[in-house]
Amino acid sequence: MSIDECFRKGMLKRIKPDKNEINNSLDLSRHFLSRATGSMKQKYFDVAFLMAYNLMFQSCRALLFSAGVKERSHYCMIEFVKKEFADDEKISSLAKALDSYRLARHAIQYDGEACDESDAKSIIGDAKEFLDNAVKSLKVHENNSNEKNTNNRKAKTK
């Protein structure tokens, strides 16, 4: 399904970028990070995997909100972020990884597939990296927006 189809079918919807939604998603990401690492200590690798997936999902969602989009589909959200952030190699690469984790998450959550320590460690590492890169990208985006607004105000006063 293309991104245009995602919008036509209501799986993606244009919204006004909302700092509160962005921050809520980042807070949830951090919450899921603590749950994922705690689950690893308990050797609950499937739970750790699911929590790390949620961490990546919320980090991706924060980026989506910053672009003025809301999701109703994991697939469509990931495709949008891969395209929208194609110039950011790290985010684009991690969004591609998230897409493969999406399929594994489905198998673990709905089919009871096994998840070993290596799989859980891998997604947790990628999830941490996704959160860090999302935060960096959002700061750059915010700084660019603030600079643009300042320049617009200066132009209006001249």
N, C-alpha and C. Protein backbone atom coordinates (compact mmCIF):
# COMPACT_ATOMS: atom_id res chain seq x y z
N MET A 1 0.85 -1.17 0.00
CA MET A 1 0.00 0.00 0.00
C MET A 1 0.90 1.24 0.00
N SER A 2 0.57 2.19 -0.86
CA SER A 2 1.36 3.41 -0.95
C SER A 2 0.95 4.39 0.16
N ILE A 3 1.78 5.39 0.37
CA ILE A 3 1.48 6.41 1.38
C ILE A 3 0.21 7.15 0.99
N ASP A 4 0.03 7.43 -0.30
CA ASP A 4 -1.20 8.10 -0.76
C ASP A 4 -2.42 7.26 -0.41
N GLU A 5 -2.32 5.95 -0.62
CA GLU A 5 -3.44 5.06 -0.26
C GLU A 5 -3.68 5.08 1.25
N CYS A 6 -2.61 5.14 2.02
CA CYS A 6 -2.75 5.21 3.48
C CYS A 6 -3.56 6.43 3.88
N PHE A 7 -3.30 7.57 3.23
CA PHE A 7 -4.07 8.78 3.52
C PHE A 7 -5.51 8.63 3.03
N ARG A 8 -5.70 8.11 1.82
CA ARG A 8 -7.06 7.94 1.28
C ARG A 8 -7.91 7.02 2.14
N LYS A 9 -7.29 5.98 2.67
CA LYS A 9 -8.03 4.99 3.48
C LYS A 9 -8.14 5.40 4.95
N GLY A 10 -7.59 6.55 5.30
CA GLY A 10 -7.68 7.04 6.67
C GLY A 10 -6.70 6.41 7.63
N MET A 11 -5.72 5.69 7.10
CA MET A 11 -4.70 5.07 7.95
C MET A 11 -3.67 6.10 8.41
N LEU A 12 -3.55 7.17 7.66
CA LEU A 12 -2.75 8.34 8.02
C LEU A 12 -3.66 9.55 7.85
N LYS A 13 -3.51 10.51 8.75
CA LYS A 13 -4.36 11.69 8.72
C LYS A 13 -3.51 12.92 9.03
N ARG A 14 -3.70 14.00 8.27
CA ARG A 14 -2.99 15.24 8.52
C ARG A 14 -3.56 15.92 9.77
N ILE A 15 -2.66 16.39 10.62
CA ILE A 15 -3.04 17.11 11.84
C ILE A 15 -2.07 18.28 12.01
N LYS A 16 -2.37 19.14 12.94
CA LYS A 16 -1.43 20.20 13.28
C LYS A 16 -0.37 19.58 14.20
N PRO A 17 0.93 19.80 13.91
CA PRO A 17 1.96 19.27 14.82
C PRO A 17 1.68 19.72 16.26
N ASP A 18 1.80 18.79 17.19
CA ASP A 18 1.44 19.05 18.59
C ASP A 18 2.59 18.62 19.49
N LYS A 19 3.23 19.61 20.15
CA LYS A 19 4.36 19.32 21.03
C LYS A 19 3.98 18.36 22.15
N ASN A 20 2.75 18.49 22.66
CA ASN A 20 2.31 17.60 23.73
C ASN A 20 2.27 16.15 23.26
N GLU A 21 1.75 15.92 22.07
CA GLU A 21 1.70 14.55 21.52
C GLU A 21 3.11 14.01 21.31
N ILE A 22 3.99 14.86 20.80
CA ILE A 22 5.38 14.45 20.59
C ILE A 22 6.02 14.06 21.92
N ASN A 23 5.88 14.93 22.91
CA ASN A 23 6.47 14.66 24.22
C ASN A 23 5.85 13.45 24.90
N ASN A 24 4.54 13.25 24.75
CA ASN A 24 3.89 12.06 25.32
C ASN A 24 4.46 10.79 24.70
N SER A 25 4.67 10.81 23.39
CA SER A 25 5.24 9.63 22.73
C SER A 25 6.67 9.37 23.20
N LEU A 26 7.45 10.43 23.36
CA LEU A 26 8.82 10.26 23.85
C LEU A 26 8.83 9.75 25.29
N ASP A 27 7.91 10.26 26.12
CA ASP A 27 7.80 9.76 27.50
C ASP A 27 7.43 8.28 27.52
N LEU A 28 6.50 7.89 26.65
CA LEU A 28 6.13 6.47 26.56
C LEU A 28 7.32 5.64 26.09
N SER A 29 8.09 6.17 25.17
CA SER A 29 9.29 5.47 24.69
C SER A 29 10.23 5.17 25.86
N ARG A 30 10.46 6.18 26.67
CA ARG A 30 11.36 6.00 27.82
C ARG A 30 10.78 4.99 28.82
N HIS A 31 9.47 5.03 29.00
CA HIS A 31 8.80 4.06 29.89
C HIS A 31 9.00 2.63 29.37
N PHE A 32 8.79 2.45 28.06
CA PHE A 32 8.95 1.12 27.48
C PHE A 32 10.40 0.66 27.51
N LEU A 33 11.34 1.60 27.45
CA LEU A 33 12.76 1.24 27.56
C LEU A 33 13.03 0.63 28.93
N SER A 34 12.50 1.24 29.98
CA SER A 34 12.73 0.69 31.33
C SER A 34 12.05 -0.67 31.47
N ARG A 35 10.90 -0.84 30.86
CA ARG A 35 10.21 -2.14 30.91
C ARG A 35 10.96 -3.20 30.13
N ALA A 36 11.51 -2.82 28.99
CA ALA A 36 12.26 -3.79 28.18
C ALA A 36 13.51 -4.26 28.91
N THR A 37 14.25 -3.31 29.48
CA THR A 37 15.48 -3.70 30.18
C THR A 37 15.15 -4.48 31.45
N GLY A 38 14.08 -4.14 32.12
CA GLY A 38 13.66 -4.90 33.30
C GLY A 38 13.25 -6.32 32.94
N SER A 39 12.58 -6.46 31.81
CA SER A 39 12.17 -7.80 31.36
C SER A 39 13.37 -8.65 30.98
N MET A 40 14.42 -8.03 30.46
CA MET A 40 15.64 -8.77 30.13
C MET A 40 16.26 -9.35 31.40
N LYS A 41 16.27 -8.57 32.47
CA LYS A 41 16.84 -9.04 33.73
C LYS A 41 16.07 -10.26 34.25
N GLN A 42 14.78 -10.30 33.97
CA GLN A 42 13.95 -11.42 34.40
C GLN A 42 14.00 -12.59 33.42
N LYS A 43 14.71 -12.39 32.31
CA LYS A 43 14.81 -13.38 31.23
C LYS A 43 13.46 -13.63 30.54
N TYR A 44 12.62 -12.59 30.53
CA TYR A 44 11.35 -12.62 29.79
C TYR A 44 11.62 -11.99 28.43
N PHE A 45 12.28 -12.75 27.57
CA PHE A 45 12.76 -12.20 26.31
C PHE A 45 11.63 -11.79 25.37
N ASP A 46 10.53 -12.55 25.39
CA ASP A 46 9.41 -12.17 24.54
C ASP A 46 8.80 -10.85 25.00
N VAL A 47 8.67 -10.67 26.31
CA VAL A 47 8.12 -9.42 26.85
C VAL A 47 9.09 -8.28 26.56
N ALA A 48 10.38 -8.51 26.72
CA ALA A 48 11.39 -7.49 26.41
C ALA A 48 11.28 -7.06 24.95
N PHE A 49 11.11 -8.04 24.07
CA PHE A 49 10.97 -7.75 22.64
C PHE A 49 9.75 -6.87 22.40
N LEU A 50 8.62 -7.24 22.99
CA LEU A 50 7.38 -6.47 22.80
C LEU A 50 7.51 -5.06 23.36
N MET A 51 8.15 -4.91 24.50
CA MET A 51 8.33 -3.58 25.08
C MET A 51 9.27 -2.74 24.21
N ALA A 52 10.31 -3.37 23.67
CA ALA A 52 11.24 -2.65 22.80
C ALA A 52 10.55 -2.25 21.49
N TYR A 53 9.68 -3.12 20.99
CA TYR A 53 8.90 -2.76 19.79
C TYR A 53 8.05 -1.52 20.09
N ASN A 54 7.38 -1.53 21.24
CA ASN A 54 6.55 -0.38 21.62
C ASN A 54 7.40 0.88 21.75
N LEU A 55 8.61 0.74 22.26
CA LEU A 55 9.54 1.85 22.36
C LEU A 55 9.83 2.42 20.98
N MET A 56 10.15 1.56 20.02
CA MET A 56 10.42 2.01 18.65
C MET A 56 9.18 2.63 18.03
N PHE A 57 8.03 2.00 18.26
CA PHE A 57 6.77 2.50 17.72
C PHE A 57 6.51 3.92 18.21
N GLN A 58 6.66 4.16 19.50
CA GLN A 58 6.39 5.48 20.06
C GLN A 58 7.42 6.51 19.59
N SER A 59 8.66 6.10 19.42
CA SER A 59 9.67 7.02 18.89
C SER A 59 9.32 7.42 17.46
N CYS A 60 8.90 6.45 16.69
CA CYS A 60 8.49 6.69 15.31
C CYS A 60 7.25 7.59 15.29
N ARG A 61 6.35 7.35 16.20
CA ARG A 61 5.12 8.13 16.30
C ARG A 61 5.42 9.60 16.63
N ALA A 62 6.41 9.84 17.48
CA ALA A 62 6.81 11.21 17.79
C ALA A 62 7.26 11.93 16.52
N LEU A 63 8.01 11.23 15.67
CA LEU A 63 8.45 11.82 14.41
C LEU A 63 7.25 12.11 13.51
N LEU A 64 6.31 11.20 13.51
CA LEU A 64 5.09 11.36 12.72
C LEU A 64 4.33 12.60 13.17
N PHE A 65 4.16 12.76 14.48
CA PHE A 65 3.46 13.93 15.01
C PHE A 65 4.18 15.22 14.63
N SER A 66 5.51 15.18 14.63
CA SER A 66 6.27 16.39 14.28
C SER A 66 6.05 16.77 12.82
N ALA A 67 5.73 15.78 11.99
CA ALA A 67 5.46 16.03 10.57
C ALA A 67 3.99 16.38 10.33
N GLY A 68 3.20 16.45 11.41
CA GLY A 68 1.79 16.79 11.27
C GLY A 68 0.94 15.66 10.74
N VAL A 69 1.22 14.45 11.22
CA VAL A 69 0.48 13.27 10.77
C VAL A 69 0.15 12.40 11.97
N LYS A 70 -1.04 11.80 11.92
CA LYS A 70 -1.48 10.84 12.94
C LYS A 70 -1.71 9.50 12.24
N GLU A 71 -1.44 8.41 12.94
CA GLU A 71 -1.52 7.08 12.33
C GLU A 71 -2.67 6.24 12.88
N ARG A 72 -3.12 5.33 12.04
CA ARG A 72 -4.06 4.30 12.45
C ARG A 72 -3.57 2.95 11.89
N SER A 73 -2.30 2.89 11.55
CA SER A 73 -1.70 1.68 10.99
C SER A 73 -0.20 1.72 11.24
N HIS A 74 0.32 0.66 11.84
CA HIS A 74 1.76 0.58 12.07
C HIS A 74 2.49 0.62 10.73
N TYR A 75 2.02 -0.16 9.78
CA TYR A 75 2.65 -0.24 8.47
C TYR A 75 2.73 1.14 7.81
N CYS A 76 1.60 1.84 7.76
CA CYS A 76 1.55 3.15 7.10
C CYS A 76 2.45 4.16 7.81
N MET A 77 2.48 4.12 9.13
CA MET A 77 3.33 5.02 9.89
C MET A 77 4.80 4.80 9.51
N ILE A 78 5.20 3.55 9.49
CA ILE A 78 6.59 3.21 9.18
C ILE A 78 6.94 3.65 7.76
N GLU A 79 6.05 3.38 6.81
CA GLU A 79 6.31 3.77 5.42
C GLU A 79 6.43 5.29 5.30
N PHE A 80 5.58 6.01 6.00
CA PHE A 80 5.64 7.48 5.96
C PHE A 80 6.97 7.98 6.52
N VAL A 81 7.39 7.45 7.66
CA VAL A 81 8.64 7.91 8.28
C VAL A 81 9.84 7.54 7.40
N LYS A 82 9.83 6.36 6.79
CA LYS A 82 10.92 5.99 5.88
C LYS A 82 11.04 7.01 4.74
N LYS A 83 9.91 7.44 4.21
CA LYS A 83 9.93 8.39 3.09
C LYS A 83 10.22 9.82 3.59
N GLU A 84 9.52 10.25 4.61
CA GLU A 84 9.65 11.62 5.12
C GLU A 84 11.05 11.91 5.65
N PHE A 85 11.69 10.91 6.22
CA PHE A 85 13.01 11.09 6.82
C PHE A 85 14.10 10.38 6.01
N ALA A 86 13.86 10.23 4.71
CA ALA A 86 14.81 9.53 3.84
C ALA A 86 16.18 10.19 3.82
N ASP A 87 16.23 11.51 4.07
CA ASP A 87 17.51 12.21 4.08
C ASP A 87 18.29 11.98 5.37
N ASP A 88 17.66 11.39 6.37
CA ASP A 88 18.33 11.03 7.62
C ASP A 88 18.59 9.52 7.58
N GLU A 89 19.80 9.16 7.19
CA GLU A 89 20.13 7.74 6.98
C GLU A 89 19.83 6.87 8.19
N LYS A 90 20.12 7.37 9.37
CA LYS A 90 19.95 6.57 10.59
C LYS A 90 18.48 6.31 10.86
N ILE A 91 17.66 7.35 10.80
CA ILE A 91 16.23 7.17 11.07
C ILE A 91 15.61 6.29 9.99
N SER A 92 15.97 6.53 8.75
CA SER A 92 15.43 5.73 7.66
C SER A 92 15.80 4.25 7.84
N SER A 93 17.04 4.00 8.20
CA SER A 93 17.51 2.63 8.41
C SER A 93 16.79 1.97 9.59
N LEU A 94 16.63 2.73 10.67
CA LEU A 94 15.95 2.18 11.85
C LEU A 94 14.45 1.97 11.58
N ALA A 95 13.85 2.81 10.75
CA ALA A 95 12.45 2.60 10.38
C ALA A 95 12.31 1.31 9.56
N LYS A 96 13.29 1.03 8.71
CA LYS A 96 13.27 -0.22 7.96
C LYS A 96 13.40 -1.41 8.91
N ALA A 97 14.26 -1.28 9.91
CA ALA A 97 14.39 -2.35 10.92
C ALA A 97 13.08 -2.51 11.68
N LEU A 98 12.44 -1.39 12.01
CA LEU A 98 11.16 -1.45 12.71
C LEU A 98 10.13 -2.22 11.90
N ASP A 99 10.17 -2.08 10.59
CA ASP A 99 9.22 -2.80 9.75
C ASP A 99 9.42 -4.31 9.87
N SER A 100 10.66 -4.77 9.92
CA SER A 100 10.89 -6.21 10.08
C SER A 100 10.53 -6.66 11.50
N TYR A 101 10.81 -5.80 12.48
CA TYR A 101 10.41 -6.11 13.85
C TYR A 101 8.88 -6.16 13.98
N ARG A 102 8.19 -5.37 13.17
CA ARG A 102 6.72 -5.36 13.19
C ARG A 102 6.19 -6.76 12.88
N LEU A 103 6.78 -7.41 11.92
CA LEU A 103 6.35 -8.77 11.56
C LEU A 103 6.68 -9.76 12.67
N ALA A 104 7.86 -9.63 13.25
CA ALA A 104 8.25 -10.52 14.35
C ALA A 104 7.36 -10.29 15.57
N ARG A 105 7.06 -9.02 15.85
CA ARG A 105 6.18 -8.70 16.98
C ARG A 105 4.82 -9.37 16.82
N HIS A 106 4.31 -9.33 15.61
CA HIS A 106 3.02 -9.96 15.34
C HIS A 106 3.07 -11.45 15.63
N ALA A 107 4.13 -12.10 15.19
CA ALA A 107 4.28 -13.54 15.42
C ALA A 107 4.43 -13.86 16.90
N ILE A 108 5.16 -13.04 17.63
CA ILE A 108 5.35 -13.26 19.07
C ILE A 108 4.05 -13.02 19.81
N GLN A 109 3.41 -11.90 19.52
CA GLN A 109 2.22 -11.49 20.28
C GLN A 109 0.99 -12.32 19.94
N TYR A 110 0.80 -12.64 18.68
CA TYR A 110 -0.45 -13.29 18.28
C TYR A 110 -0.32 -14.79 18.00
N ASP A 111 0.89 -15.24 17.70
CA ASP A 111 1.07 -16.65 17.38
C ASP A 111 1.88 -17.40 18.43
N GLY A 112 2.38 -16.67 19.44
CA GLY A 112 3.14 -17.32 20.50
C GLY A 112 4.52 -17.77 20.08
N GLU A 113 5.06 -17.17 19.02
CA GLU A 113 6.41 -17.52 18.57
C GLU A 113 7.41 -17.27 19.69
N ALA A 114 8.45 -18.06 19.70
CA ALA A 114 9.50 -17.91 20.70
C ALA A 114 10.40 -16.73 20.35
N CYS A 115 11.00 -16.18 21.36
CA CYS A 115 11.94 -15.08 21.19
C CYS A 115 13.12 -15.38 22.10
N ASP A 116 14.32 -15.39 21.53
CA ASP A 116 15.48 -15.68 22.37
C ASP A 116 16.17 -14.40 22.83
N GLU A 117 17.16 -14.58 23.66
CA GLU A 117 17.89 -13.45 24.24
C GLU A 117 18.53 -12.58 23.16
N SER A 118 19.08 -13.21 22.16
CA SER A 118 19.74 -12.48 21.08
C SER A 118 18.77 -11.56 20.34
N ASP A 119 17.57 -12.07 20.04
CA ASP A 119 16.55 -11.26 19.36
C ASP A 119 16.14 -10.07 20.23
N ALA A 120 15.96 -10.31 21.50
CA ALA A 120 15.55 -9.25 22.42
C ALA A 120 16.65 -8.20 22.55
N LYS A 121 17.90 -8.64 22.68
CA LYS A 121 19.02 -7.68 22.78
C LYS A 121 19.13 -6.84 21.51
N SER A 122 18.93 -7.47 20.37
CA SER A 122 19.04 -6.77 19.10
C SER A 122 18.00 -5.65 18.98
N ILE A 123 16.75 -5.96 19.27
CA ILE A 123 15.72 -4.93 19.15
C ILE A 123 15.89 -3.85 20.21
N ILE A 124 16.31 -4.21 21.40
CA ILE A 124 16.52 -3.20 22.44
C ILE A 124 17.61 -2.22 22.02
N GLY A 125 18.69 -2.74 21.44
CA GLY A 125 19.75 -1.86 20.95
C GLY A 125 19.26 -0.93 19.87
N ASP A 126 18.51 -1.47 18.92
CA ASP A 126 17.95 -0.63 17.85
C ASP A 126 16.94 0.36 18.39
N ALA A 127 16.16 -0.08 19.36
CA ALA A 127 15.13 0.80 19.93
C ALA A 127 15.76 1.99 20.66
N LYS A 128 16.82 1.74 21.43
CA LYS A 128 17.53 2.84 22.10
C LYS A 128 18.08 3.82 21.08
N GLU A 129 18.66 3.26 20.02
CA GLU A 129 19.25 4.09 18.98
C GLU A 129 18.15 4.91 18.27
N PHE A 130 17.00 4.29 18.04
CA PHE A 130 15.89 5.00 17.40
C PHE A 130 15.45 6.17 18.27
N LEU A 131 15.27 5.92 19.56
CA LEU A 131 14.86 6.99 20.48
C LEU A 131 15.88 8.13 20.46
N ASP A 132 17.15 7.80 20.58
CA ASP A 132 18.20 8.83 20.58
C ASP A 132 18.18 9.65 19.29
N ASN A 133 18.04 8.98 18.16
CA ASN A 133 18.04 9.67 16.88
C ASN A 133 16.76 10.46 16.65
N ALA A 134 15.65 9.96 17.14
CA ALA A 134 14.39 10.70 17.04
C ALA A 134 14.49 11.99 17.85
N VAL A 135 15.02 11.90 19.06
CA VAL A 135 15.17 13.09 19.90
C VAL A 135 16.08 14.11 19.21
N LYS A 136 17.20 13.66 18.65
CA LYS A 136 18.10 14.57 17.93
C LYS A 136 17.39 15.23 16.75
N SER A 137 16.68 14.43 15.98
CA SER A 137 15.97 14.96 14.81
C SER A 137 14.91 15.97 15.22
N LEU A 138 14.20 15.67 16.29
CA LEU A 138 13.15 16.58 16.76
C LEU A 138 13.75 17.90 17.26
N LYS A 139 14.91 17.84 17.89
CA LYS A 139 15.57 19.07 18.35
C LYS A 139 16.01 19.91 17.16
N VAL A 140 16.55 19.28 16.14
CA VAL A 140 16.95 20.00 14.92
C VAL A 140 15.72 20.63 14.28
N HIS A 141 14.65 19.85 14.17
CA HIS A 141 13.40 20.34 13.58
C HIS A 141 12.86 21.53 14.37
N GLU A 142 12.89 21.43 15.70
CA GLU A 142 12.40 22.52 16.54
C GLU A 142 13.28 23.76 16.40
N ASN A 143 14.60 23.57 16.38
CA ASN A 143 15.51 24.71 16.21
C ASN A 143 15.30 25.39 14.86
N ASN A 144 15.10 24.58 13.80
CA ASN A 144 14.85 25.15 12.48
C ASN A 144 13.53 25.91 12.45
N SER A 145 12.51 25.38 13.11
CA SER A 145 11.21 26.06 13.18
C SER A 145 11.31 27.36 13.95
N ASN A 146 12.04 27.34 15.07
CA ASN A 146 12.22 28.56 15.86
C ASN A 146 12.97 29.62 15.07
N GLU A 147 13.99 29.18 14.34
CA GLU A 147 14.78 30.11 13.53
C GLU A 147 13.92 30.71 12.41
N LYS A 148 13.10 29.88 11.78
CA LYS A 148 12.21 30.33 10.71
C LYS A 148 11.21 31.35 11.26
N ASN A 149 10.63 31.08 12.44
CA ASN A 149 9.68 32.00 13.05
C ASN A 149 10.34 33.33 13.40
N THR A 150 11.56 33.26 13.91
CA THR A 150 12.30 34.48 14.25
C THR A 150 12.55 35.31 12.99
N ASN A 151 12.97 34.65 11.92
CA ASN A 151 13.22 35.34 10.65
C ASN A 151 11.93 35.95 10.09
N ASN A 152 10.81 35.24 10.22
CA ASN A 152 9.53 35.77 9.76
C ASN A 152 9.13 37.01 10.55
N ARG A 153 9.34 36.98 11.86
CA ARG A 153 9.02 38.14 12.70
C ARG A 153 9.89 39.33 12.34
N LYS A 154 11.17 39.07 12.10
CA LYS A 154 12.10 40.16 11.72
C LYS A 154 11.67 40.76 10.39
N ALA A 155 11.28 39.93 9.45
CA ALA A 155 10.85 40.42 8.14
C ALA A 155 9.60 41.27 8.23
N LYS A 156 8.69 40.93 9.15
CA LYS A 156 7.45 41.67 9.32
C LYS A 156 7.69 43.03 9.97
N THR A 157 8.72 43.15 10.79
CA THR A 157 8.98 44.41 11.49
C THR A 157 9.75 45.39 10.62
N LYS A 158 10.29 44.93 9.52
CA LYS A 158 11.07 45.83 8.63
C LYS A 158 10.15 46.64 7.77
